[in-house]
């Protein structure tokens, strides 16, 4: 599944090469040449993943990664560091700042795409193309189909995204704000009660199959999807 990727790289030729290969792989790419512009882009909308060069003009990539991890809004955004530094202590430093992976230059486009896919599968499974199955429900993000015991379930686009998000983060309690950010996007301004409306619609669609009980209300906290009653 296509991901929205923020590429922070100050060398124009490398930036263009990486962006072109990521776009060929189906991703949407926003590019910045320094941390200041990257910060503005992150403020406008959270990306699914950040590719961050270590050496940047002004604020370094390591310092920018620290800033992202210190902010509650950007704390969970996956980060892959890009660098020519190959010494072990540099790799350790990059990972200790909160980076999810570390790729040394030069690297092949195929390796980068594979690393991105692996990090997204761990940190943002809702943007992958993996089929998800829980409690008798099966969701295929590629064909946009949902079924229970082999019987198809028709969902609207928002209910589909909501179910996909919940199924890829099972057993976790999500507040309305977290669901708004994860499903609608943090740059979209809608009322928190909108979540309740779509949860009701989702449960209604799942009810004939008996799988509506998978979506649980946690009083005072939010919602979770659980196969444990």
C-alpha atoms as a PDB file:
ATOM      1  CA  UNK A   1       0.000   0.000   0.000  1.00  0.00           C
ATOM      2  CA  UNK A   2       1.254   3.494  -0.794  1.00  0.00           C
ATOM      3  CA  UNK A   3       2.745   5.420   2.107  1.00  0.00           C
ATOM      4  CA  UNK A   4       3.236   9.150   2.532  1.00  0.00           C
ATOM      5  CA  UNK A   5       6.980   9.558   3.023  1.00  0.00           C
ATOM      6  CA  UNK A   6       8.877  12.677   4.042  1.00  0.00           C
ATOM      7  CA  UNK A   7      12.405  12.642   2.613  1.00  0.00           C
ATOM      8  CA  UNK A   8      14.854  14.987   4.364  1.00  0.00           C
ATOM      9  CA  UNK A   9      18.013  15.109   2.246  1.00  0.00           C
ATOM     10  CA  UNK A  10      20.084  18.195   1.380  1.00  0.00           C
ATOM     11  CA  UNK A  11      21.877  16.881  -1.715  1.00  0.00           C
ATOM     12  CA  UNK A  12      19.565  17.584  -4.707  1.00  0.00           C
ATOM     13  CA  UNK A  13      20.828  14.708  -6.870  1.00  0.00           C
ATOM     14  CA  UNK A  14      20.414  12.133  -4.100  1.00  0.00           C
ATOM     15  CA  UNK A  15      17.051  13.612  -3.120  1.00  0.00           C
ATOM     16  CA  UNK A  16      15.777  13.315  -6.699  1.00  0.00           C
ATOM     17  CA  UNK A  17      17.107   9.762  -7.098  1.00  0.00           C
ATOM     18  CA  UNK A  18      15.513   8.529  -3.878  1.00  0.00           C
ATOM     19  CA  UNK A  19      12.209  10.320  -4.514  1.00  0.00           C
ATOM     20  CA  UNK A  20      11.967   8.912  -8.041  1.00  0.00           C
ATOM     21  CA  UNK A  21      12.524   5.337  -6.889  1.00  0.00           C
ATOM     22  CA  UNK A  22      10.048   5.657  -4.031  1.00  0.00           C
ATOM     23  CA  UNK A  23       7.429   7.060  -6.389  1.00  0.00           C
ATOM     24  CA  UNK A  24       8.023   4.147  -8.759  1.00  0.00           C
ATOM     25  CA  UNK A  25       7.355   1.855  -5.798  1.00  0.00           C
ATOM     26  CA  UNK A  26       3.982   3.552  -5.369  1.00  0.00           C
ATOM     27  CA  UNK A  27       4.748   5.904  -2.495  1.00  0.00           C
ATOM     28  CA  UNK A  28       3.930   9.589  -2.227  1.00  0.00           C
ATOM     29  CA  UNK A  29       7.018  11.664  -1.440  1.00  0.00           C
ATOM     30  CA  UNK A  30       7.453  15.112   0.055  1.00  0.00           C
ATOM     31  CA  UNK A  31      11.022  16.404   0.126  1.00  0.00           C
ATOM     32  CA  UNK A  32      12.888  18.870   2.308  1.00  0.00           C
ATOM     33  CA  UNK A  33      16.511  19.977   2.203  1.00  0.00           C
ATOM     34  CA  UNK A  34      16.807  20.859   5.864  1.00  0.00           C
ATOM     35  CA  UNK A  35      15.176  20.263   9.240  1.00  0.00           C
ATOM     36  CA  UNK A  36      13.431  23.643   9.248  1.00  0.00           C
ATOM     37  CA  UNK A  37      11.432  22.895   6.096  1.00  0.00           C
ATOM     38  CA  UNK A  38      10.861  19.340   7.263  1.00  0.00           C
ATOM     39  CA  UNK A  39       9.393  20.662  10.507  1.00  0.00           C
ATOM     40  CA  UNK A  40       6.949  22.849   8.563  1.00  0.00           C
ATOM     41  CA  UNK A  41       5.837  19.872   6.449  1.00  0.00           C
ATOM     42  CA  UNK A  42       5.369  17.710   9.540  1.00  0.00           C
ATOM     43  CA  UNK A  43       3.344  20.502  11.143  1.00  0.00           C
ATOM     44  CA  UNK A  44       1.001  20.554   8.122  1.00  0.00           C
ATOM     45  CA  UNK A  45       0.439  16.780   8.079  1.00  0.00           C
ATOM     46  CA  UNK A  46       2.061  13.765   9.694  1.00  0.00           C
ATOM     47  CA  UNK A  47       3.819  11.481   7.205  1.00  0.00           C
ATOM     48  CA  UNK A  48       3.649   7.708   7.483  1.00  0.00           C
ATOM     49  CA  UNK A  49       7.453   7.539   7.605  1.00  0.00           C
ATOM     50  CA  UNK A  50      10.441   9.908   7.586  1.00  0.00           C
ATOM     51  CA  UNK A  51      13.681   9.236   5.707  1.00  0.00           C
ATOM     52  CA  UNK A  52      16.184  11.443   7.470  1.00  0.00           C
ATOM     53  CA  UNK A  53      19.735  12.249   6.387  1.00  0.00           C
ATOM     54  CA  UNK A  54      22.246  12.448   9.237  1.00  0.00           C
ATOM     55  CA  UNK A  55      24.190  15.459   7.906  1.00  0.00           C
ATOM     56  CA  UNK A  56      21.923  18.428   7.240  1.00  0.00           C
ATOM     57  CA  UNK A  57      22.594  22.183   7.100  1.00  0.00           C
ATOM     58  CA  UNK A  58      21.644  23.859  10.357  1.00  0.00           C
ATOM     59  CA  UNK A  59      20.068  21.285  12.654  1.00  0.00           C
ATOM     60  CA  UNK A  60      21.504  17.793  12.142  1.00  0.00           C
ATOM     61  CA  UNK A  61      19.318  14.807  11.380  1.00  0.00           C
ATOM     62  CA  UNK A  62      20.138  13.325  14.786  1.00  0.00           C
ATOM     63  CA  UNK A  63      18.982  16.483  16.589  1.00  0.00           C
ATOM     64  CA  UNK A  64      15.836  16.644  14.452  1.00  0.00           C
ATOM     65  CA  UNK A  65      15.090  13.002  15.282  1.00  0.00           C
ATOM     66  CA  UNK A  66      15.431  13.834  18.975  1.00  0.00           C
ATOM     67  CA  UNK A  67      12.985  16.716  18.561  1.00  0.00           C
ATOM     68  CA  UNK A  68      10.478  14.460  16.794  1.00  0.00           C
ATOM     69  CA  UNK A  69      10.697  11.836  19.528  1.00  0.00           C
ATOM     70  CA  UNK A  70      10.262  14.460  22.251  1.00  0.00           C
ATOM     71  CA  UNK A  71       6.984  15.708  20.752  1.00  0.00           C
ATOM     72  CA  UNK A  72       3.904  13.655  21.625  1.00  0.00           C
ATOM     73  CA  UNK A  73       2.383  14.305  18.186  1.00  0.00           C
ATOM     74  CA  UNK A  74       5.386  12.957  16.245  1.00  0.00           C
ATOM     75  CA  UNK A  75       6.698  10.429  18.771  1.00  0.00           C
ATOM     76  CA  UNK A  76       5.342   7.391  16.925  1.00  0.00           C
ATOM     77  CA  UNK A  77       6.246   8.385  13.356  1.00  0.00           C
ATOM     78  CA  UNK A  78       8.726   5.796  11.978  1.00  0.00           C
ATOM     79  CA  UNK A  79      12.179   7.198  11.155  1.00  0.00           C
ATOM     80  CA  UNK A  80      14.894   5.691   8.960  1.00  0.00           C
ATOM     81  CA  UNK A  81      18.289   7.409   9.148  1.00  0.00           C
ATOM     82  CA  UNK A  82      20.311   7.787   5.952  1.00  0.00           C
ATOM     83  CA  UNK A  83      24.046   8.346   6.400  1.00  0.00           C
ATOM     84  CA  UNK A  84      27.527   7.765   5.060  1.00  0.00           C
ATOM     85  CA  UNK A  85      28.738   7.037   8.605  1.00  0.00           C
ATOM     86  CA  UNK A  86      29.563   3.354   8.936  1.00  0.00           C
ATOM     87  CA  UNK A  87      31.136   3.052  12.384  1.00  0.00           C
ATOM     88  CA  UNK A  88      29.212   1.048  14.963  1.00  0.00           C
ATOM     89  CA  UNK A  89      29.069   3.901  17.488  1.00  0.00           C
ATOM     90  CA  UNK A  90      27.369   6.101  14.892  1.00  0.00           C
ATOM     91  CA  UNK A  91      24.773   3.413  14.195  1.00  0.00           C
ATOM     92  CA  UNK A  92      24.160   3.034  17.909  1.00  0.00           C
ATOM     93  CA  UNK A  93      23.772   6.800  18.304  1.00  0.00           C
ATOM     94  CA  UNK A  94      21.289   6.945  15.435  1.00  0.00           C
ATOM     95  CA  UNK A  95      19.191   4.168  16.919  1.00  0.00           C
ATOM     96  CA  UNK A  96      19.393   5.614  20.420  1.00  0.00           C
ATOM     97  CA  UNK A  97      17.904   8.891  19.180  1.00  0.00           C
ATOM     98  CA  UNK A  98      14.785   6.950  18.253  1.00  0.00           C
ATOM     99  CA  UNK A  99      15.424   5.913  14.663  1.00  0.00           C
ATOM    100  CA  UNK A 100      13.738   2.644  13.676  1.00  0.00           C
ATOM    101  CA  UNK A 101      16.397   1.708  11.148  1.00  0.00           C
ATOM    102  CA  UNK A 102      19.745   2.945   9.838  1.00  0.00           C
ATOM    103  CA  UNK A 103      20.915   2.685   6.206  1.00  0.00           C
ATOM    104  CA  UNK A 104      24.451   3.543   5.161  1.00  0.00           C
ATOM    105  CA  UNK A 105      25.213   5.145   1.810  1.00  0.00           C
ATOM    106  CA  UNK A 106      25.536   4.007  -0.873  1.00  0.00           C
ATOM    107  CA  UNK A 107      22.495   1.751  -0.880  1.00  0.00           C
ATOM    108  CA  UNK A 108      20.397   0.245  -3.637  1.00  0.00           C
ATOM    109  CA  UNK A 109      16.827   1.448  -4.290  1.00  0.00           C
ATOM    110  CA  UNK A 110      15.637  -2.133  -3.802  1.00  0.00           C
ATOM    111  CA  UNK A 111      17.216  -2.286  -0.333  1.00  0.00           C
ATOM    112  CA  UNK A 112      15.668   1.049   0.660  1.00  0.00           C
ATOM    113  CA  UNK A 113      12.186   0.005  -0.470  1.00  0.00           C
ATOM    114  CA  UNK A 114      12.552  -3.298   1.402  1.00  0.00           C
ATOM    115  CA  UNK A 115      13.693  -1.524   4.576  1.00  0.00           C
ATOM    116  CA  UNK A 116      10.762   0.890   4.350  1.00  0.00           C
ATOM    117  CA  UNK A 117       8.344  -2.001   3.966  1.00  0.00           C
ATOM    118  CA  UNK A 118       9.833  -3.786   6.987  1.00  0.00           C
ATOM    119  CA  UNK A 119       9.642  -0.697   9.207  1.00  0.00           C
ATOM    120  CA  UNK A 120       6.078   0.071   8.150  1.00  0.00           C
ATOM    121  CA  UNK A 121       5.050  -3.523   8.870  1.00  0.00           C
ATOM    122  CA  UNK A 122       6.388  -3.138  12.418  1.00  0.00           C
ATOM    123  CA  UNK A 123       5.400   0.440  13.184  1.00  0.00           C
ATOM    124  CA  UNK A 124       2.536   1.362  10.841  1.00  0.00           C
ATOM    125  CA  UNK A 125       0.876  -1.871   9.654  1.00  0.00           C
ATOM    126  CA  UNK A 126      -2.238   0.039   8.552  1.00  0.00           C
ATOM    127  CA  UNK A 127      -0.324   1.370   5.524  1.00  0.00           C
ATOM    128  CA  UNK A 128       0.887  -2.045   4.340  1.00  0.00           C
ATOM    129  CA  UNK A 129      -0.842  -4.423   1.930  1.00  0.00           C
ATOM    130  CA  UNK A 130      -0.854  -7.376   4.315  1.00  0.00           C
ATOM    131  CA  UNK A 131      -4.117  -9.268   4.771  1.00  0.00           C
ATOM    132  CA  UNK A 132      -5.343  -9.133   8.381  1.00  0.00           C
ATOM    133  CA  UNK A 133      -7.402 -11.863  10.075  1.00  0.00           C
ATOM    134  CA  UNK A 134      -8.781 -11.618  13.625  1.00  0.00           C
ATOM    135  CA  UNK A 135     -11.731 -13.266  15.349  1.00  0.00           C
ATOM    136  CA  UNK A 136     -13.277 -14.598  12.154  1.00  0.00           C
ATOM    137  CA  UNK A 137     -12.858 -11.313  10.257  1.00  0.00           C
ATOM    138  CA  UNK A 138     -10.633 -11.154   7.193  1.00  0.00           C
ATOM    139  CA  UNK A 139      -9.642  -7.820   5.633  1.00  0.00           C
ATOM    140  CA  UNK A 140      -7.726  -7.478   2.377  1.00  0.00           C
ATOM    141  CA  UNK A 141      -6.467  -3.905   1.864  1.00  0.00           C
ATOM    142  CA  UNK A 142      -5.501  -4.577  -1.758  1.00  0.00           C
ATOM    143  CA  UNK A 143      -8.910  -5.742  -2.973  1.00  0.00           C
ATOM    144  CA  UNK A 144     -10.695  -3.630  -0.350  1.00  0.00           C
ATOM    145  CA  UNK A 145     -12.759  -6.623   0.770  1.00  0.00           C
ATOM    146  CA  UNK A 146     -13.902  -7.705   4.203  1.00  0.00           C
ATOM    147  CA  UNK A 147     -15.407 -11.111   4.986  1.00  0.00           C
ATOM    148  CA  UNK A 148     -16.555 -13.105   7.993  1.00  0.00           C
ATOM    149  CA  UNK A 149     -16.589 -16.900   7.670  1.00  0.00           C
ATOM    150  CA  UNK A 150     -16.232 -16.418   3.923  1.00  0.00           C
ATOM    151  CA  UNK A 151     -19.275 -14.151   3.668  1.00  0.00           C
ATOM    152  CA  UNK A 152     -18.602 -10.657   2.297  1.00  0.00           C
ATOM    153  CA  UNK A 153     -19.297  -7.570   4.415  1.00  0.00           C
ATOM    154  CA  UNK A 154     -19.977  -4.278   2.706  1.00  0.00           C
ATOM    155  CA  UNK A 155     -18.348  -1.246   4.298  1.00  0.00           C
ATOM    156  CA  UNK A 156     -18.109   2.390   3.364  1.00  0.00           C
ATOM    157  CA  UNK A 157     -14.596   3.802   2.783  1.00  0.00           C
ATOM    158  CA  UNK A 158     -14.325   5.415   6.229  1.00  0.00           C
ATOM    159  CA  UNK A 159     -15.613   2.321   8.029  1.00  0.00           C
ATOM    160  CA  UNK A 160     -13.125   0.221   6.044  1.00  0.00           C
ATOM    161  CA  UNK A 161     -10.207   2.447   7.097  1.00  0.00           C
ATOM    162  CA  UNK A 162     -11.420   2.428  10.688  1.00  0.00           C
ATOM    163  CA  UNK A 163     -11.686  -1.366  10.768  1.00  0.00           C
ATOM    164  CA  UNK A 164      -8.294  -1.750   9.096  1.00  0.00           C
ATOM    165  CA  UNK A 165      -6.683   0.522  11.678  1.00  0.00           C
ATOM    166  CA  UNK A 166      -8.266  -1.314  14.591  1.00  0.00           C
ATOM    167  CA  UNK A 167      -7.396  -4.745  13.182  1.00  0.00           C
ATOM    168  CA  UNK A 168      -3.757  -3.783  12.670  1.00  0.00           C
ATOM    169  CA  UNK A 169      -3.548  -2.504  16.259  1.00  0.00           C
ATOM    170  CA  UNK A 170      -5.476  -5.214  18.158  1.00  0.00           C
ATOM    171  CA  UNK A 171      -5.920  -5.168  21.938  1.00  0.00           C
ATOM    172  CA  UNK A 172      -4.829  -1.539  22.137  1.00  0.00           C
ATOM    173  CA  UNK A 173      -7.217   1.085  23.474  1.00  0.00           C
ATOM    174  CA  UNK A 174      -7.458   4.102  21.167  1.00  0.00           C
ATOM    175  CA  UNK A 175      -8.886   7.437  22.235  1.00  0.00           C
ATOM    176  CA  UNK A 176     -11.127   9.318  19.820  1.00  0.00           C
ATOM    177  CA  UNK A 177      -8.264  11.737  19.144  1.00  0.00           C
ATOM    178  CA  UNK A 178      -5.887   8.886  18.317  1.00  0.00           C
ATOM    179  CA  UNK A 179      -8.417   7.352  15.943  1.00  0.00           C
ATOM    180  CA  UNK A 180      -8.983  10.695  14.259  1.00  0.00           C
ATOM    181  CA  UNK A 181      -5.241  11.060  13.697  1.00  0.00           C
ATOM    182  CA  UNK A 182      -4.745   7.459  12.589  1.00  0.00           C
ATOM    183  CA  UNK A 183      -7.798   7.080  10.351  1.00  0.00           C
ATOM    184  CA  UNK A 184      -8.716  10.570   9.181  1.00  0.00           C
ATOM    185  CA  UNK A 185      -5.260  12.151   9.457  1.00  0.00           C
ATOM    186  CA  UNK A 186      -4.117  14.710  11.984  1.00  0.00           C
ATOM    187  CA  UNK A 187      -4.456  17.529   9.407  1.00  0.00           C
ATOM    188  CA  UNK A 188      -8.204  16.911   9.042  1.00  0.00           C
ATOM    189  CA  UNK A 189     -10.309  18.844  11.521  1.00  0.00           C
ATOM    190  CA  UNK A 190     -13.493  17.017  12.459  1.00  0.00           C
ATOM    191  CA  UNK A 191     -15.394  16.601  15.693  1.00  0.00           C
ATOM    192  CA  UNK A 192     -14.326  13.790  18.024  1.00  0.00           C
ATOM    193  CA  UNK A 193     -17.936  12.553  18.090  1.00  0.00           C
ATOM    194  CA  UNK A 194     -17.521  11.743  14.390  1.00  0.00           C
ATOM    195  CA  UNK A 195     -15.612   8.677  15.567  1.00  0.00           C
ATOM    196  CA  UNK A 196     -18.652   7.476  17.523  1.00  0.00           C
ATOM    197  CA  UNK A 197     -20.863   7.809  14.454  1.00  0.00           C
ATOM    198  CA  UNK A 198     -18.560   5.681  12.306  1.00  0.00           C
ATOM    199  CA  UNK A 199     -18.033   3.112  15.051  1.00  0.00           C
ATOM    200  CA  UNK A 200     -21.818   2.675  15.202  1.00  0.00           C
ATOM    201  CA  UNK A 201     -21.983   2.285  11.422  1.00  0.00           C
ATOM    202  CA  UNK A 202     -19.148  -0.243  11.504  1.00  0.00           C
ATOM    203  CA  UNK A 203     -20.796  -2.278  14.244  1.00  0.00           C
ATOM    204  CA  UNK A 204     -24.083  -2.212  12.348  1.00  0.00           C
ATOM    205  CA  UNK A 205     -22.367  -3.596   9.236  1.00  0.00           C
ATOM    206  CA  UNK A 206     -20.633  -6.319  11.264  1.00  0.00           C
ATOM    207  CA  UNK A 207     -23.682  -7.279  13.340  1.00  0.00           C
ATOM    208  CA  UNK A 208     -25.252  -9.796  10.904  1.00  0.00           C
ATOM    209  CA  UNK A 209     -22.016 -11.829  11.031  1.00  0.00           C
ATOM    210  CA  UNK A 210     -21.792 -11.617  14.820  1.00  0.00           C
ATOM    211  CA  UNK A 211     -18.376  -9.950  14.656  1.00  0.00           C
ATOM    212  CA  UNK A 212     -19.565  -6.572  15.933  1.00  0.00           C
ATOM    213  CA  UNK A 213     -18.609  -7.692  19.462  1.00  0.00           C
ATOM    214  CA  UNK A 214     -14.957  -7.539  18.418  1.00  0.00           C
ATOM    215  CA  UNK A 215     -15.144  -3.748  18.689  1.00  0.00           C
ATOM    216  CA  UNK A 216     -15.277  -2.897  22.350  1.00  0.00           C
ATOM    217  CA  UNK A 217     -16.007   0.389  24.083  1.00  0.00           C
ATOM    218  CA  UNK A 218     -13.648   1.157  26.955  1.00  0.00           C
ATOM    219  CA  UNK A 219     -15.518   3.594  29.155  1.00  0.00           C
ATOM    220  CA  UNK A 220     -13.699   6.872  29.586  1.00  0.00           C
ATOM    221  CA  UNK A 221     -10.852   5.822  27.276  1.00  0.00           C
ATOM    222  CA  UNK A 222     -12.014   4.972  23.766  1.00  0.00           C
ATOM    223  CA  UNK A 223     -12.284   1.853  21.619  1.00  0.00           C
ATOM    224  CA  UNK A 224     -10.329  -1.333  21.014  1.00  0.00           C
ATOM    225  CA  UNK A 225     -10.641  -4.374  18.781  1.00  0.00           C
ATOM    226  CA  UNK A 226     -10.227  -7.629  20.653  1.00  0.00           C
ATOM    227  CA  UNK A 227     -11.017 -11.269  20.021  1.00  0.00           C
ATOM    228  CA  UNK A 228     -11.084 -11.743  23.814  1.00  0.00           C
ATOM    229  CA  UNK A 229     -14.487 -11.172  25.354  1.00  0.00           C
END
